Amino acid sequence: MQEGTLPASGRVRAVFEEVLTGAEFQYAEASPWARWMQAFSDFVGDLLRRWWPDLQDSDIRIISTIALVFLTAASVLFIYRWASGNQRRSRRAERPEDRLAEPLDAGGWAARARAAAAAGRYREAATGLYQATILRMNAQGRLRYRDWKTPGDYALEISGQDPDRAGFIAFLGGFVEAAFGPAEPDSSVFDALAARATMLGSRV
């Protein structure tokens, strides 16, 4: 019987490399999350096996998962409580000048108009008088106040049956001139505007 000859070394190496390149020999790198989870599971397993040496790997994985969920929930709760505490402290530390920025009612705007007029700031005083008048007419149901409305919007809105319609239109014209006109208003301009506001039921 003729004995077979051994294949050449180069042929053996080529076949071996071809086998190693197959999918079943490829190393699938674990994701960072999987590696971290495995490290956490190993850490928990080392701790538990100090007291229970016969603990199975499957039990350790279950306990590790429960522990991880608990730690995550506790961390979220801690962050929420910390953020809520900071928000409450910020509100308590609110400066007095910040509270002054809250919306004013008609009386508040009228007081601001008086203070500005006394200090010679007549454009600011005219704005305060305008706001006070609009808010009072809103309270009377003659207008609907909205912070985005212009004097022209209110002029179109007031009813044609309102006996003060002409006086209100004149008041709006005087306000626009005092607040936005090219000439700097003086006390006489403001006094005239205040007199028109008084006729509409708004007093400074």
N, C-alpha and C. Protein backbone atom coordinates (compact mmCIF):
# COMPACT_ATOMS: atom_id res chain seq x y z
N MET A 1 0.86 -1.19 0.00
CA MET A 1 0.00 0.00 0.00
C MET A 1 0.89 1.23 0.00
N GLN A 2 0.48 2.21 -0.85
CA GLN A 2 1.32 3.42 -0.98
C GLN A 2 0.91 4.39 0.11
N GLU A 3 1.87 4.87 0.87
CA GLU A 3 1.61 5.82 1.93
C GLU A 3 1.43 7.22 1.36
N GLY A 4 0.43 7.98 1.97
CA GLY A 4 0.22 9.36 1.51
C GLY A 4 1.32 10.27 1.98
N THR A 5 1.60 11.25 1.21
CA THR A 5 2.64 12.23 1.58
C THR A 5 2.01 13.38 2.35
N LEU A 6 2.75 13.98 3.28
CA LEU A 6 2.28 15.13 4.04
C LEU A 6 2.16 16.37 3.16
N PRO A 7 1.12 17.18 3.36
CA PRO A 7 1.01 18.40 2.55
C PRO A 7 2.12 19.38 2.90
N ALA A 8 2.39 20.23 1.98
CA ALA A 8 3.44 21.23 2.20
C ALA A 8 3.02 22.17 3.33
N SER A 9 4.02 22.73 4.02
CA SER A 9 3.74 23.61 5.16
C SER A 9 2.97 24.86 4.75
N GLY A 10 3.27 25.35 3.56
CA GLY A 10 2.56 26.54 3.09
C GLY A 10 1.09 26.29 2.90
N ARG A 11 0.78 25.08 2.40
CA ARG A 11 -0.63 24.71 2.20
C ARG A 11 -1.36 24.58 3.54
N VAL A 12 -0.69 23.98 4.52
CA VAL A 12 -1.29 23.84 5.85
C VAL A 12 -1.58 25.21 6.46
N ARG A 13 -0.63 26.09 6.32
CA ARG A 13 -0.80 27.44 6.89
C ARG A 13 -1.94 28.19 6.22
N ALA A 14 -2.07 28.06 4.90
CA ALA A 14 -3.13 28.74 4.18
C ALA A 14 -4.50 28.24 4.62
N VAL A 15 -4.60 26.90 4.76
CA VAL A 15 -5.88 26.33 5.20
C VAL A 15 -6.20 26.77 6.62
N PHE A 16 -5.20 26.79 7.49
CA PHE A 16 -5.41 27.20 8.88
C PHE A 16 -5.88 28.65 8.97
N GLU A 17 -5.26 29.53 8.18
CA GLU A 17 -5.65 30.94 8.19
C GLU A 17 -7.07 31.11 7.64
N GLU A 18 -7.42 30.31 6.64
CA GLU A 18 -8.76 30.39 6.07
C GLU A 18 -9.81 29.99 7.10
N VAL A 19 -9.49 28.98 7.89
CA VAL A 19 -10.43 28.56 8.94
C VAL A 19 -10.59 29.64 10.00
N LEU A 20 -9.49 30.26 10.37
CA LEU A 20 -9.54 31.28 11.42
C LEU A 20 -10.30 32.53 10.99
N THR A 21 -10.38 32.77 9.68
CA THR A 21 -11.11 33.95 9.21
C THR A 21 -12.61 33.70 9.16
N GLY A 22 -13.07 32.53 9.47
CA GLY A 22 -14.50 32.25 9.48
C GLY A 22 -15.23 33.03 10.55
N ALA A 23 -16.57 33.18 10.36
CA ALA A 23 -17.38 33.99 11.28
C ALA A 23 -17.36 33.43 12.70
N GLU A 24 -17.29 32.08 12.81
CA GLU A 24 -17.35 31.48 14.14
C GLU A 24 -16.10 31.75 14.95
N PHE A 25 -15.00 32.20 14.31
CA PHE A 25 -13.77 32.50 15.04
C PHE A 25 -13.55 34.00 15.23
N GLN A 26 -14.53 34.83 14.80
CA GLN A 26 -14.36 36.28 14.94
C GLN A 26 -14.75 36.71 16.35
N TYR A 27 -14.00 37.65 16.89
CA TYR A 27 -14.23 38.15 18.25
C TYR A 27 -15.19 39.34 18.18
N ALA A 28 -16.30 39.20 18.85
CA ALA A 28 -17.28 40.29 18.90
C ALA A 28 -17.01 41.13 20.13
N GLU A 29 -16.57 42.36 19.93
CA GLU A 29 -16.23 43.23 21.05
C GLU A 29 -17.50 43.67 21.77
N ALA A 30 -17.51 43.53 23.07
CA ALA A 30 -18.67 43.93 23.85
C ALA A 30 -18.79 45.45 23.90
N SER A 31 -20.03 45.93 24.01
CA SER A 31 -20.27 47.37 24.09
C SER A 31 -19.78 47.89 25.44
N PRO A 32 -19.53 49.19 25.55
CA PRO A 32 -19.10 49.76 26.84
C PRO A 32 -20.12 49.47 27.96
N TRP A 33 -21.41 49.54 27.62
CA TRP A 33 -22.42 49.26 28.63
C TRP A 33 -22.33 47.82 29.12
N ALA A 34 -22.12 46.86 28.16
CA ALA A 34 -22.02 45.45 28.55
C ALA A 34 -20.78 45.22 29.42
N ARG A 35 -19.67 45.88 29.06
CA ARG A 35 -18.46 45.72 29.87
C ARG A 35 -18.64 46.31 31.26
N TRP A 36 -19.31 47.45 31.33
CA TRP A 36 -19.54 48.08 32.63
C TRP A 36 -20.47 47.21 33.47
N MET A 37 -21.51 46.66 32.84
CA MET A 37 -22.45 45.81 33.55
C MET A 37 -21.76 44.55 34.07
N GLN A 38 -20.86 44.00 33.25
CA GLN A 38 -20.13 42.80 33.68
C GLN A 38 -19.21 43.12 34.84
N ALA A 39 -18.56 44.29 34.78
CA ALA A 39 -17.68 44.69 35.88
C ALA A 39 -18.48 44.89 37.17
N PHE A 40 -19.66 45.50 37.04
CA PHE A 40 -20.51 45.71 38.21
C PHE A 40 -20.97 44.37 38.79
N SER A 41 -21.34 43.44 37.88
CA SER A 41 -21.78 42.12 38.33
C SER A 41 -20.64 41.38 39.04
N ASP A 42 -19.42 41.50 38.49
CA ASP A 42 -18.27 40.85 39.14
C ASP A 42 -18.01 41.44 40.52
N PHE A 43 -18.16 42.75 40.63
CA PHE A 43 -17.96 43.41 41.92
C PHE A 43 -18.98 42.94 42.95
N VAL A 44 -20.26 42.90 42.53
CA VAL A 44 -21.31 42.43 43.43
C VAL A 44 -21.07 40.96 43.80
N GLY A 45 -20.67 40.15 42.78
CA GLY A 45 -20.42 38.73 43.06
C GLY A 45 -19.30 38.52 44.06
N ASP A 46 -18.23 39.31 43.96
CA ASP A 46 -17.12 39.19 44.92
C ASP A 46 -17.59 39.50 46.33
N LEU A 47 -18.47 40.51 46.46
CA LEU A 47 -18.96 40.85 47.79
C LEU A 47 -19.86 39.76 48.35
N LEU A 48 -20.77 39.26 47.50
CA LEU A 48 -21.74 38.28 48.00
C LEU A 48 -21.09 36.94 48.33
N ARG A 49 -20.08 36.58 47.55
CA ARG A 49 -19.46 35.27 47.77
C ARG A 49 -18.62 35.22 49.05
N ARG A 50 -18.38 36.36 49.65
CA ARG A 50 -17.70 36.35 50.95
C ARG A 50 -18.59 35.72 52.01
N TRP A 51 -19.92 35.89 51.84
CA TRP A 51 -20.85 35.30 52.80
C TRP A 51 -21.54 34.05 52.25
N TRP A 52 -21.73 34.01 50.95
CA TRP A 52 -22.40 32.85 50.33
C TRP A 52 -21.51 32.31 49.19
N PRO A 53 -20.54 31.52 49.50
CA PRO A 53 -19.58 31.05 48.49
C PRO A 53 -20.21 30.21 47.39
N ASP A 54 -21.36 29.56 47.66
CA ASP A 54 -21.97 28.66 46.68
C ASP A 54 -22.99 29.37 45.78
N LEU A 55 -23.02 30.68 45.84
CA LEU A 55 -24.00 31.43 45.04
C LEU A 55 -23.72 31.26 43.55
N GLN A 56 -24.78 30.98 42.78
CA GLN A 56 -24.63 30.74 41.35
C GLN A 56 -24.49 32.06 40.58
N ASP A 57 -23.87 31.96 39.39
CA ASP A 57 -23.68 33.16 38.55
C ASP A 57 -25.01 33.77 38.14
N SER A 58 -26.00 32.93 37.85
CA SER A 58 -27.31 33.44 37.43
C SER A 58 -27.95 34.25 38.56
N ASP A 59 -27.79 33.80 39.80
CA ASP A 59 -28.33 34.54 40.94
C ASP A 59 -27.62 35.88 41.10
N ILE A 60 -26.33 35.86 40.88
CA ILE A 60 -25.56 37.10 41.00
C ILE A 60 -26.01 38.11 39.95
N ARG A 61 -26.28 37.64 38.72
CA ARG A 61 -26.72 38.56 37.67
C ARG A 61 -28.07 39.18 38.02
N ILE A 62 -28.97 38.38 38.59
CA ILE A 62 -30.29 38.92 38.97
C ILE A 62 -30.14 39.96 40.08
N ILE A 63 -29.34 39.61 41.11
CA ILE A 63 -29.14 40.55 42.22
C ILE A 63 -28.45 41.81 41.73
N SER A 64 -27.50 41.68 40.81
CA SER A 64 -26.79 42.85 40.28
C SER A 64 -27.74 43.76 39.52
N THR A 65 -28.65 43.17 38.74
CA THR A 65 -29.60 43.98 37.98
C THR A 65 -30.53 44.74 38.91
N ILE A 66 -31.03 44.05 39.95
CA ILE A 66 -31.91 44.72 40.92
C ILE A 66 -31.16 45.85 41.64
N ALA A 67 -29.92 45.60 42.01
CA ALA A 67 -29.14 46.62 42.70
C ALA A 67 -28.89 47.83 41.79
N LEU A 68 -28.65 47.56 40.50
CA LEU A 68 -28.40 48.66 39.57
C LEU A 68 -29.65 49.51 39.37
N VAL A 69 -30.81 48.86 39.26
CA VAL A 69 -32.07 49.61 39.12
C VAL A 69 -32.31 50.46 40.36
N PHE A 70 -32.06 49.90 41.54
CA PHE A 70 -32.25 50.65 42.78
C PHE A 70 -31.32 51.86 42.85
N LEU A 71 -30.05 51.66 42.50
CA LEU A 71 -29.09 52.77 42.54
C LEU A 71 -29.45 53.86 41.54
N THR A 72 -29.93 53.46 40.36
CA THR A 72 -30.33 54.44 39.36
C THR A 72 -31.51 55.27 39.84
N ALA A 73 -32.53 54.60 40.41
CA ALA A 73 -33.69 55.31 40.93
C ALA A 73 -33.31 56.25 42.06
N ALA A 74 -32.42 55.79 42.95
CA ALA A 74 -31.98 56.65 44.05
C ALA A 74 -31.22 57.87 43.54
N SER A 75 -30.41 57.69 42.51
CA SER A 75 -29.66 58.81 41.95
C SER A 75 -30.59 59.84 41.32
N VAL A 76 -31.60 59.36 40.58
CA VAL A 76 -32.56 60.27 39.96
C VAL A 76 -33.33 61.05 41.02
N LEU A 77 -33.75 60.35 42.08
CA LEU A 77 -34.47 61.03 43.17
C LEU A 77 -33.59 62.06 43.86
N PHE A 78 -32.33 61.73 44.08
CA PHE A 78 -31.41 62.68 44.73
C PHE A 78 -31.23 63.93 43.87
N ILE A 79 -31.05 63.75 42.56
CA ILE A 79 -30.86 64.90 41.67
C ILE A 79 -32.11 65.76 41.63
N TYR A 80 -33.28 65.11 41.61
CA TYR A 80 -34.54 65.86 41.59
C TYR A 80 -34.69 66.70 42.85
N ARG A 81 -34.43 66.08 44.01
CA ARG A 81 -34.57 66.82 45.27
C ARG A 81 -33.54 67.93 45.36
N TRP A 82 -32.35 67.70 44.87
CA TRP A 82 -31.32 68.75 44.89
C TRP A 82 -31.72 69.93 44.01
N ALA A 83 -32.25 69.63 42.81
CA ALA A 83 -32.67 70.71 41.90
C ALA A 83 -33.86 71.48 42.48
N SER A 84 -34.81 70.75 43.10
CA SER A 84 -35.97 71.42 43.69
C SER A 84 -35.54 72.31 44.85
N GLY A 85 -34.58 71.84 45.64
CA GLY A 85 -34.09 72.66 46.75
C GLY A 85 -33.42 73.93 46.27
N ASN A 86 -32.64 73.83 45.20
CA ASN A 86 -32.00 75.02 44.64
C ASN A 86 -33.03 76.02 44.13
N GLN A 87 -34.10 75.48 43.51
CA GLN A 87 -35.14 76.38 43.00
C GLN A 87 -35.85 77.11 44.13
N ARG A 88 -36.14 76.39 45.22
CA ARG A 88 -36.79 77.04 46.36
C ARG A 88 -35.87 78.09 46.98
N ARG A 89 -34.58 77.78 47.08
CA ARG A 89 -33.65 78.77 47.64
C ARG A 89 -33.55 80.00 46.76
N SER A 90 -33.61 79.81 45.44
CA SER A 90 -33.55 80.94 44.52
C SER A 90 -34.77 81.84 44.68
N ARG A 91 -35.93 81.20 44.90
CA ARG A 91 -37.14 82.01 45.10
C ARG A 91 -37.07 82.79 46.39
N ARG A 92 -36.55 82.16 47.46
CA ARG A 92 -36.43 82.88 48.74
C ARG A 92 -35.43 84.01 48.66
N ALA A 93 -34.44 83.85 47.80
CA ALA A 93 -33.40 84.88 47.68
C ALA A 93 -33.74 85.93 46.64
N GLU A 94 -34.98 85.92 46.17
CA GLU A 94 -35.39 86.90 45.16
C GLU A 94 -35.21 88.31 45.69
N ARG A 95 -34.65 89.16 44.88
CA ARG A 95 -34.36 90.53 45.32
C ARG A 95 -35.64 91.36 45.35
N PRO A 96 -35.71 92.36 46.22
CA PRO A 96 -36.91 93.22 46.27
C PRO A 96 -37.19 93.88 44.94
N GLU A 97 -36.14 94.30 44.21
CA GLU A 97 -36.38 94.97 42.93
C GLU A 97 -36.98 94.03 41.91
N ASP A 98 -36.74 92.71 42.07
CA ASP A 98 -37.38 91.76 41.16
C ASP A 98 -38.88 91.69 41.41
N ARG A 99 -39.28 91.80 42.70
CA ARG A 99 -40.70 91.77 43.00
C ARG A 99 -41.41 92.99 42.45
N LEU A 100 -40.70 94.11 42.31
CA LEU A 100 -41.32 95.31 41.76
C LEU A 100 -41.66 95.15 40.29
N ALA A 101 -41.05 94.16 39.64
CA ALA A 101 -41.31 93.96 38.21
C ALA A 101 -42.60 93.21 37.96
N GLU A 102 -43.30 92.79 39.02
CA GLU A 102 -44.57 92.09 38.84
C GLU A 102 -45.60 93.03 38.24
N PRO A 103 -46.61 92.50 37.53
CA PRO A 103 -47.62 93.36 36.90
C PRO A 103 -48.31 94.28 37.91
N LEU A 104 -48.52 95.52 37.51
CA LEU A 104 -49.16 96.50 38.37
C LEU A 104 -50.64 96.61 38.00
N ASP A 105 -51.45 97.02 38.99
CA ASP A 105 -52.84 97.31 38.69
C ASP A 105 -52.96 98.80 38.36
N ALA A 106 -54.20 99.26 38.18
CA ALA A 106 -54.40 100.66 37.78
C ALA A 106 -53.83 101.61 38.84
N GLY A 107 -54.07 101.28 40.13
CA GLY A 107 -53.54 102.14 41.17
C GLY A 107 -52.02 102.18 41.19
N GLY A 108 -51.39 101.04 40.94
CA GLY A 108 -49.93 100.99 40.90
C GLY A 108 -49.36 101.83 39.77
N TRP A 109 -50.00 101.76 38.60
CA TRP A 109 -49.54 102.57 37.47
C TRP A 109 -49.75 104.07 37.74
N ALA A 110 -50.85 104.39 38.38
CA ALA A 110 -51.10 105.80 38.70
C ALA A 110 -50.05 106.32 39.67
N ALA A 111 -49.67 105.50 40.66
CA ALA A 111 -48.63 105.91 41.60
C ALA A 111 -47.30 106.08 40.88
N ARG A 112 -47.01 105.21 39.96
CA ARG A 112 -45.77 105.34 39.20
C ARG A 112 -45.79 106.60 38.35
N ALA A 113 -46.94 106.94 37.79
CA ALA A 113 -47.05 108.17 37.00
C ALA A 113 -46.80 109.40 37.87
N ARG A 114 -47.37 109.41 39.08
CA ARG A 114 -47.16 110.56 39.98
C ARG A 114 -45.68 110.70 40.34
N ALA A 115 -45.03 109.58 40.65
CA ALA A 115 -43.61 109.64 41.03
C ALA A 115 -42.75 110.13 39.87
N ALA A 116 -43.05 109.65 38.66
CA ALA A 116 -42.26 110.07 37.50
C ALA A 116 -42.48 111.55 37.19
N ALA A 117 -43.73 111.99 37.30
CA ALA A 117 -44.00 113.41 37.04
C ALA A 117 -43.31 114.31 38.06
N ALA A 118 -43.31 113.88 39.33
CA ALA A 118 -42.64 114.67 40.36
C ALA A 118 -41.14 114.76 40.12
N ALA A 119 -40.57 113.74 39.47
CA ALA A 119 -39.13 113.74 39.17
C ALA A 119 -38.83 114.36 37.82
N GLY A 120 -39.84 114.86 37.12
CA GLY A 120 -39.62 115.50 35.83
C GLY A 120 -39.47 114.53 34.67
N ARG A 121 -39.80 113.27 34.86
CA ARG A 121 -39.72 112.27 33.78
C ARG A 121 -41.12 112.14 33.16
N TYR A 122 -41.44 113.06 32.28
CA TYR A 122 -42.82 113.16 31.82
C TYR A 122 -43.19 112.10 30.78
N ARG A 123 -42.23 111.61 30.03
CA ARG A 123 -42.56 110.52 29.10
C ARG A 123 -42.95 109.27 29.91
N GLU A 124 -42.19 108.98 30.93
CA GLU A 124 -42.51 107.84 31.79
C GLU A 124 -43.83 108.06 32.51
N ALA A 125 -44.07 109.30 32.94
CA ALA A 125 -45.32 109.61 33.62
C ALA A 125 -46.51 109.42 32.68
N ALA A 126 -46.35 109.81 31.43
CA ALA A 126 -47.43 109.63 30.45
C ALA A 126 -47.73 108.16 30.24
N THR A 127 -46.70 107.33 30.21
CA THR A 127 -46.91 105.89 30.04
C THR A 127 -47.65 105.31 31.24
N GLY A 128 -47.28 105.72 32.46
CA GLY A 128 -47.98 105.24 33.64
C GLY A 128 -49.44 105.66 33.65
N LEU A 129 -49.72 106.90 33.24
CA LEU A 129 -51.09 107.39 33.19
C LEU A 129 -51.91 106.63 32.14
N TYR A 130 -51.29 106.34 31.01
CA TYR A 130 -51.95 105.58 29.95
C TYR A 130 -52.32 104.18 30.44
N GLN A 131 -51.37 103.50 31.09
CA GLN A 131 -51.64 102.15 31.59
C GLN A 131 -52.74 102.18 32.65
N ALA A 132 -52.71 103.15 33.55
CA ALA A 132 -53.73 103.24 34.59
C ALA A 132 -55.11 103.45 33.98
N THR A 133 -55.19 104.30 32.96
CA THR A 133 -56.48 104.58 32.34
C THR A 133 -57.03 103.36 31.60
N ILE A 134 -56.17 102.67 30.85
CA ILE A 134 -56.61 101.48 30.12
C ILE A 134 -57.09 100.40 31.09
N LEU A 135 -56.36 100.20 32.19
CA LEU A 135 -56.74 99.16 33.14
C LEU A 135 -58.06 99.51 33.85
N ARG A 136 -58.30 100.78 34.13
CA ARG A 136 -59.56 101.16 34.76
C ARG A 136 -60.73 100.96 33.79
N MET A 137 -60.54 101.30 32.55
CA MET A 137 -61.59 101.09 31.56
C MET A 137 -61.82 99.60 31.30
N ASN A 138 -60.76 98.82 31.43
CA ASN A 138 -60.92 97.37 31.32
C ASN A 138 -61.76 96.84 32.48
N ALA A 139 -61.51 97.34 33.69
CA ALA A 139 -62.28 96.91 34.85
C ALA A 139 -63.74 97.31 34.73
N GLN A 140 -64.02 98.40 34.02
CA GLN A 140 -65.39 98.85 33.81
C GLN A 140 -66.08 98.12 32.66
N GLY A 141 -65.33 97.26 31.96
CA GLY A 141 -65.91 96.52 30.85
C GLY A 141 -66.00 97.31 29.55
N ARG A 142 -65.32 98.44 29.47
CA ARG A 142 -65.39 99.27 28.26
C ARG A 142 -64.32 98.89 27.25
N LEU A 143 -63.27 98.20 27.73
CA LEU A 143 -62.19 97.73 26.89
C LEU A 143 -61.76 96.36 27.39
N ARG A 144 -60.98 95.68 26.57
CA ARG A 144 -60.35 94.43 27.00
C ARG A 144 -58.84 94.63 26.94
N TYR A 145 -58.22 94.73 28.12
CA TYR A 145 -56.78 94.98 28.18
C TYR A 145 -55.99 93.75 27.72
N ARG A 146 -55.00 94.00 26.87
CA ARG A 146 -54.02 93.00 26.48
C ARG A 146 -52.68 93.72 26.33
N ASP A 147 -51.62 93.13 26.84
CA ASP A 147 -50.33 93.83 26.85
C ASP A 147 -49.77 94.06 25.46
N TRP A 148 -50.28 93.34 24.45
CA TRP A 148 -49.75 93.50 23.10
C TRP A 148 -50.52 94.55 22.30
N LYS A 149 -51.59 95.07 22.84
CA LYS A 149 -52.40 96.02 22.07
C LYS A 149 -51.75 97.40 22.04
N THR A 150 -52.00 98.12 20.96
CA THR A 150 -51.49 99.47 20.78
C THR A 150 -52.60 100.47 21.04
N PRO A 151 -52.28 101.76 21.17
CA PRO A 151 -53.34 102.77 21.29
C PRO A 151 -54.33 102.71 20.13
N GLY A 152 -53.83 102.41 18.94
CA GLY A 152 -54.74 102.29 17.79
C GLY A 152 -55.71 101.14 17.95
N ASP A 153 -55.26 100.03 18.55
CA ASP A 153 -56.17 98.90 18.79
C ASP A 153 -57.31 99.31 19.73
N TYR A 154 -56.96 100.06 20.77
CA TYR A 154 -57.99 100.48 21.72
C TYR A 154 -58.93 101.51 21.10
N ALA A 155 -58.39 102.35 20.23
CA ALA A 155 -59.24 103.34 19.56
C ALA A 155 -60.28 102.65 18.69
N LEU A 156 -59.91 101.57 18.04
CA LEU A 156 -60.86 100.82 17.22
C LEU A 156 -61.82 99.99 18.06
N GLU A 157 -61.39 99.63 19.26
CA GLU A 157 -62.17 98.72 20.09
C GLU A 157 -63.30 99.40 20.84
N ILE A 158 -63.10 100.64 21.26
CA ILE A 158 -64.10 101.29 22.08
C ILE A 158 -65.38 101.47 21.29
N SER A 159 -66.47 101.24 21.96
CA SER A 159 -67.77 101.27 21.29
C SER A 159 -68.12 102.66 20.80
N GLY A 160 -68.76 102.72 19.65
CA GLY A 160 -69.23 104.00 19.15
C GLY A 160 -70.35 104.58 19.98
N GLN A 161 -70.96 103.74 20.81
CA GLN A 161 -72.04 104.21 21.68
C GLN A 161 -71.52 104.74 23.01
N ASP A 162 -70.22 104.58 23.27
CA ASP A 162 -69.65 105.06 24.52
C ASP A 162 -69.63 106.59 24.50
N PRO A 163 -70.24 107.24 25.52
CA PRO A 163 -70.28 108.71 25.51
C PRO A 163 -68.91 109.36 25.62
N ASP A 164 -67.92 108.62 26.10
CA ASP A 164 -66.57 109.18 26.25
C ASP A 164 -65.66 108.80 25.09
N ARG A 165 -66.21 108.30 24.01
CA ARG A 165 -65.37 107.83 22.91
C ARG A 165 -64.50 108.95 22.36
N ALA A 166 -65.06 110.12 22.11
CA ALA A 166 -64.28 111.23 21.57
C ALA A 166 -63.18 111.66 22.55
N GLY A 167 -63.54 111.73 23.83
CA GLY A 167 -62.53 112.09 24.82
C GLY A 167 -61.43 111.05 24.92
N PHE A 168 -61.80 109.78 24.76
CA PHE A 168 -60.80 108.71 24.82
C PHE A 168 -59.85 108.78 23.63
N ILE A 169 -60.39 109.07 22.44
CA ILE A 169 -59.54 109.21 21.26
C ILE A 169 -58.58 110.38 21.44
N ALA A 170 -59.07 111.47 22.03
CA ALA A 170 -58.20 112.63 22.28
C ALA A 170 -57.12 112.28 23.30
N PHE A 171 -57.50 111.49 24.32
CA PHE A 171 -56.50 111.06 25.32
C PHE A 171 -55.42 110.22 24.67
N LEU A 172 -55.81 109.29 23.80
CA LEU A 172 -54.81 108.45 23.12
C LEU A 172 -53.87 109.29 22.26
N GLY A 173 -54.42 110.28 21.56
CA GLY A 173 -53.56 111.15 20.76
C GLY A 173 -52.58 111.92 21.61
N GLY A 174 -53.06 112.43 22.75
CA GLY A 174 -52.17 113.16 23.65
C GLY A 174 -51.09 112.26 24.24
N PHE A 175 -51.45 111.02 24.55
CA PHE A 175 -50.45 110.08 25.09
C PHE A 175 -49.37 109.78 24.06
N VAL A 176 -49.75 109.50 22.80
CA VAL A 176 -48.76 109.19 21.77
C VAL A 176 -47.82 110.37 21.58
N GLU A 177 -48.37 111.59 21.60
CA GLU A 177 -47.52 112.78 21.43
C GLU A 177 -46.55 112.93 22.60
N ALA A 178 -47.05 112.70 23.83
CA ALA A 178 -46.21 112.88 25.02
C ALA A 178 -45.15 111.79 25.13
N ALA A 179 -45.52 110.55 24.81
CA ALA A 179 -44.60 109.43 25.01
C ALA A 179 -43.65 109.22 23.85
N PHE A 180 -44.09 109.55 22.64
CA PHE A 180 -43.28 109.22 21.46
C PHE A 180 -43.02 110.40 20.54
N GLY A 181 -43.53 111.55 20.88
CA GLY A 181 -43.35 112.71 20.00
C GLY A 181 -41.91 113.19 19.95
N PRO A 182 -41.55 113.99 18.95
CA PRO A 182 -40.17 114.47 18.81
C PRO A 182 -39.76 115.47 19.89
N ALA A 183 -40.75 116.23 20.39
CA ALA A 183 -40.44 117.24 21.40
C ALA A 183 -40.53 116.61 22.79
N GLU A 184 -39.61 117.02 23.64
CA GLU A 184 -39.61 116.51 25.02
C GLU A 184 -40.80 117.12 25.77
N PRO A 185 -41.67 116.30 26.36
CA PRO A 185 -42.84 116.85 27.05
C PRO A 185 -42.44 117.56 28.34
N ASP A 186 -43.26 118.52 28.72
CA ASP A 186 -43.04 119.22 29.98
C ASP A 186 -44.26 119.05 30.87
N SER A 187 -44.29 119.78 31.95
CA SER A 187 -45.38 119.61 32.91
C SER A 187 -46.73 119.98 32.32
N SER A 188 -46.76 120.98 31.42
CA SER A 188 -48.04 121.38 30.84
C SER A 188 -48.61 120.28 29.96
N VAL A 189 -47.75 119.57 29.23
CA VAL A 189 -48.22 118.46 28.39
C VAL A 189 -48.79 117.36 29.27
N PHE A 190 -48.09 117.05 30.35
CA PHE A 190 -48.57 116.00 31.24
C PHE A 190 -49.86 116.42 31.94
N ASP A 191 -49.96 117.67 32.35
CA ASP A 191 -51.17 118.13 33.03
C ASP A 191 -52.37 118.04 32.10
N ALA A 192 -52.17 118.36 30.83
CA ALA A 192 -53.28 118.28 29.87
C ALA A 192 -53.71 116.82 29.69
N LEU A 193 -52.74 115.93 29.64
CA LEU A 193 -53.06 114.52 29.50
C LEU A 193 -53.77 114.01 30.75
N ALA A 194 -53.33 114.45 31.93
CA ALA A 194 -53.97 114.03 33.18
C ALA A 194 -55.40 114.54 33.25
N ALA A 195 -55.66 115.74 32.72
CA ALA A 195 -57.02 116.28 32.73
C ALA A 195 -57.93 115.42 31.85
N ARG A 196 -57.43 114.98 30.70
CA ARG A 196 -58.24 114.10 29.83
C ARG A 196 -58.49 112.75 30.49
N ALA A 197 -57.48 112.25 31.22
CA ALA A 197 -57.65 110.99 31.92
C ALA A 197 -58.71 111.12 33.03
N THR A 198 -58.73 112.28 33.70
CA THR A 198 -59.72 112.51 34.76
C THR A 198 -61.14 112.48 34.19
N MET A 199 -61.32 113.03 33.00
CA MET A 199 -62.63 113.01 32.36
C MET A 199 -63.07 111.59 32.02
N LEU A 200 -62.12 110.68 31.87
CA LEU A 200 -62.43 109.28 31.59
C LEU A 200 -62.58 108.45 32.85
N GLY A 201 -62.45 109.10 34.02
CA GLY A 201 -62.60 108.39 35.29
C GLY A 201 -61.30 107.90 35.88
N SER A 202 -60.16 108.30 35.31
CA SER A 202 -58.86 107.87 35.82
C SER A 202 -58.18 109.06 36.48
N ARG A 203 -57.81 108.90 37.74
CA ARG A 203 -57.21 110.00 38.48
C ARG A 203 -55.76 109.68 38.83
N VAL A 204 -54.94 110.74 38.84
CA VAL A 204 -53.53 110.59 39.20
C VAL A 204 -53.33 111.21 40.58
